[in-house]
C-alpha atoms as a PDB file:
ATOM      1  CA  MET A   1     -12.339 -29.301   3.260  1.00  0.00           C
ATOM      2  CA  ARG A   2     -12.968 -25.751   3.320  1.00  0.00           C
ATOM      3  CA  SER A   3     -16.529 -24.674   4.305  1.00  0.00           C
ATOM      4  CA  PRO A   4     -18.613 -22.447   1.872  1.00  0.00           C
ATOM      5  CA  ARG A   5     -18.591 -19.684   4.549  1.00  0.00           C
ATOM      6  CA  LEU A   6     -14.971 -19.548   4.657  1.00  0.00           C
ATOM      7  CA  ALA A   7     -14.304 -20.058   0.747  1.00  0.00           C
ATOM      8  CA  ALA A   8     -16.565 -17.215   0.230  1.00  0.00           C
ATOM      9  CA  LEU A   9     -14.771 -15.035   3.242  1.00  0.00           C
ATOM     10  CA  SER A  10     -11.581 -16.079   1.560  1.00  0.00           C
ATOM     11  CA  THR A  11     -12.510 -15.024  -2.135  1.00  0.00           C
ATOM     12  CA  ALA A  12     -13.778 -11.771  -0.553  1.00  0.00           C
ATOM     13  CA  ILE A  13     -10.291 -10.966   1.135  1.00  0.00           C
ATOM     14  CA  LEU A  14      -8.614 -12.059  -1.485  1.00  0.00           C
ATOM     15  CA  ALA A  15     -10.585  -9.449  -3.996  1.00  0.00           C
ATOM     16  CA  ASP A  16      -9.870  -6.520  -1.765  1.00  0.00           C
ATOM     17  CA  ALA A  17      -6.181  -7.801  -1.527  1.00  0.00           C
ATOM     18  CA  CYS A  18      -6.065  -7.263  -4.982  1.00  0.00           C
ATOM     19  CA  ALA A  19      -7.953  -4.301  -5.179  1.00  0.00           C
ATOM     20  CA  LEU A  20      -5.362  -2.296  -2.691  1.00  0.00           C
ATOM     21  CA  ALA A  21      -2.404  -3.703  -4.967  1.00  0.00           C
ATOM     22  CA  GLY A  22      -4.006  -1.568  -7.873  1.00  0.00           C
ATOM     23  CA  ALA A  23      -4.567   1.025  -5.224  1.00  0.00           C
ATOM     24  CA  ALA A  24      -0.932   1.145  -4.029  1.00  0.00           C
ATOM     25  CA  ARG A  25       0.466   0.916  -7.617  1.00  0.00           C
ATOM     26  CA  GLY A  26      -2.088   4.064  -8.212  1.00  0.00           C
ATOM     27  CA  ALA A  27      -0.585   6.158  -5.698  1.00  0.00           C
ATOM     28  CA  SER A  28       2.749   4.746  -6.570  1.00  0.00           C
ATOM     29  CA  LYS A  29       2.144   6.708 -10.005  1.00  0.00           C
ATOM     30  CA  SER A  30       0.662   9.571  -8.481  1.00  0.00           C
ATOM     31  CA  ARG A  31       3.564  10.042  -6.327  1.00  0.00           C
ATOM     32  CA  THR A  32       5.761   9.820  -9.592  1.00  0.00           C
ATOM     33  CA  LEU A  33       3.949  12.265 -11.689  1.00  0.00           C
ATOM     34  CA  THR A  34       3.479  14.951  -9.083  1.00  0.00           C
ATOM     35  CA  ASN A  35       7.459  14.261  -7.986  1.00  0.00           C
ATOM     36  CA  GLN A  36       8.215  15.012 -11.777  1.00  0.00           C
ATOM     37  CA  SER A  37       5.355  18.400 -11.728  1.00  0.00           C
ATOM     38  CA  LEU A  38       7.569  19.360  -8.759  1.00  0.00           C
ATOM     39  CA  GLU A  39      10.922  19.632 -10.806  1.00  0.00           C
ATOM     40  CA  ILE A  40       9.331  21.062 -13.582  1.00  0.00           C
ATOM     41  CA  GLU A  41       8.000  23.788 -11.165  1.00  0.00           C
ATOM     42  CA  ASN A  42      11.368  24.096  -9.874  1.00  0.00           C
ATOM     43  CA  ARG A  43      12.899  24.628 -13.197  1.00  0.00           C
ATOM     44  CA  LYS A  44      10.504  27.361 -14.101  1.00  0.00           C
ATOM     45  CA  TYR A  45      11.084  28.959 -10.839  1.00  0.00           C
ATOM     46  CA  LEU A  46      14.818  29.455 -11.724  1.00  0.00           C
ATOM     47  CA  ASN A  47      13.730  30.619 -14.633  1.00  0.00           C
ATOM     48  CA  GLY A  48      12.078  33.420 -12.889  1.00  0.00           C
ATOM     49  CA  ASN A  49       8.473  32.033 -14.519  1.00  0.00           C
ATOM     50  CA  SER A  50       6.696  30.642 -11.062  1.00  0.00           C
ATOM     51  CA  SER A  51       6.152  31.725  -7.511  1.00  0.00           C
ATOM     52  CA  ASN A  52       7.843  30.155  -4.128  1.00  0.00           C
ATOM     53  CA  GLY A  53       3.709  29.805  -3.758  1.00  0.00           C
ATOM     54  CA  ALA A  54       3.500  27.495  -6.339  1.00  0.00           C
ATOM     55  CA  ILE A  55       6.387  25.170  -5.223  1.00  0.00           C
ATOM     56  CA  ALA A  56       5.029  25.167  -1.545  1.00  0.00           C
ATOM     57  CA  LYS A  57       1.884  23.573  -3.188  1.00  0.00           C
ATOM     58  CA  LEU A  58       3.506  21.156  -5.063  1.00  0.00           C
ATOM     59  CA  GLN A  59       5.742  20.308  -2.222  1.00  0.00           C
ATOM     60  CA  ASN A  60       2.484  19.693  -0.125  1.00  0.00           C
ATOM     61  CA  ASP A  61       0.701  17.799  -2.757  1.00  0.00           C
ATOM     62  CA  LEU A  62       4.085  15.414  -3.228  1.00  0.00           C
ATOM     63  CA  ALA A  63       3.867  14.690   0.978  1.00  0.00           C
ATOM     64  CA  THR A  64       0.044  13.979   0.492  1.00  0.00           C
ATOM     65  CA  ALA A  65       0.773  11.533  -2.609  1.00  0.00           C
ATOM     66  CA  GLU A  66       3.490  10.037  -0.414  1.00  0.00           C
ATOM     67  CA  LEU A  67       1.570   9.324   2.672  1.00  0.00           C
ATOM     68  CA  ALA A  68      -1.551   8.324   0.555  1.00  0.00           C
ATOM     69  CA  GLY A  69       1.324   5.680  -1.265  1.00  0.00           C
ATOM     70  CA  LEU A  70       2.078   4.506   2.271  1.00  0.00           C
ATOM     71  CA  GLY A  71      -1.308   4.295   3.444  1.00  0.00           C
ATOM     72  CA  ALA A  72      -2.324   2.322   0.629  1.00  0.00           C
ATOM     73  CA  LEU A  73       0.753  -0.063   0.975  1.00  0.00           C
ATOM     74  CA  ARG A  74      -0.012  -0.527   4.797  1.00  0.00           C
ATOM     75  CA  HIS A  75      -3.796  -1.688   3.763  1.00  0.00           C
ATOM     76  CA  HIS A  76      -2.530  -4.061   1.223  1.00  0.00           C
ATOM     77  CA  ALA A  77      -0.187  -5.764   3.826  1.00  0.00           C
ATOM     78  CA  GLN A  78      -3.130  -6.117   6.005  1.00  0.00           C
ATOM     79  CA  ALA A  79      -5.410  -7.400   3.729  1.00  0.00           C
ATOM     80  CA  GLN A  80      -2.720 -10.046   2.700  1.00  0.00           C
ATOM     81  CA  THR A  81      -2.283 -10.888   6.333  1.00  0.00           C
ATOM     82  CA  THR A  82      -6.076 -11.342   6.858  1.00  0.00           C
ATOM     83  CA  LEU A  83      -6.249 -13.583   4.009  1.00  0.00           C
ATOM     84  CA  LEU A  84      -3.352 -16.046   5.146  1.00  0.00           C
ATOM     85  CA  LEU A  85      -5.289 -15.669   8.849  1.00  0.00           C
ATOM     86  CA  ALA A  86      -8.666 -16.643   7.259  1.00  0.00           C
ATOM     87  CA  THR A  87      -6.999 -19.723   5.047  1.00  0.00           C
ATOM     88  CA  GLY A  88      -4.845 -20.764   7.620  1.00  0.00           C
ATOM     89  CA  GLN A  89      -1.747 -20.113   5.836  1.00  0.00           C
ATOM     90  CA  LEU A  90      -0.140 -17.014   8.009  1.00  0.00           C
ATOM     91  CA  LEU A  91       2.484 -18.859  10.232  1.00  0.00           C
ATOM     92  CA  ASP A  92       3.665 -20.984   7.481  1.00  0.00           C
ATOM     93  CA  LYS A  93       4.235 -17.990   5.128  1.00  0.00           C
ATOM     94  CA  ARG A  94       6.025 -16.343   7.743  1.00  0.00           C
ATOM     95  CA  HIS A  95       7.897 -19.417   8.604  1.00  0.00           C
ATOM     96  CA  VAL A  96       6.726 -19.779  12.123  1.00  0.00           C
ATOM     97  CA  LYS A  97       7.145 -23.159  13.930  1.00  0.00           C
ATOM     98  CA  ILE A  98       5.313 -23.923  17.061  1.00  0.00           C
ATOM     99  CA  GLU A  99       6.834 -27.018  19.033  1.00  0.00           C
ATOM    100  CA  VAL A 100       5.055 -28.408  22.181  1.00  0.00           C
ATOM    101  CA  ALA A 101       6.784 -29.543  24.690  1.00  0.00           C
ATOM    102  CA  GLU A 102       5.800 -32.995  26.163  1.00  0.00           C
ATOM    103  CA  GLU A 103       4.988 -33.217  29.363  1.00  0.00           C
ATOM    104  CA  ARG A 104       6.491 -34.684  32.063  1.00  0.00           C
END
């Protein structure tokens, strides 16, 4: 049976993992919208209705959104690993088997 302290820790870590999953989804949506804005601005530029400065700003915004998305995914993966470690499931979920050799 798990101790109340471990149960509380697992619950807190699970809540963090869920929140970080939401952040990763939000970062992905932000990246998609920024990419769409860049495509629109590129079309405007080709029609002579935009500047290369506006394009450069949106390219920078897209790179920032991509980095934020990668950071959110990394944090989510770390939270999942922490949860598995705290609940003693890490090795099983990673399909790690440890065999102890018998002494001779």
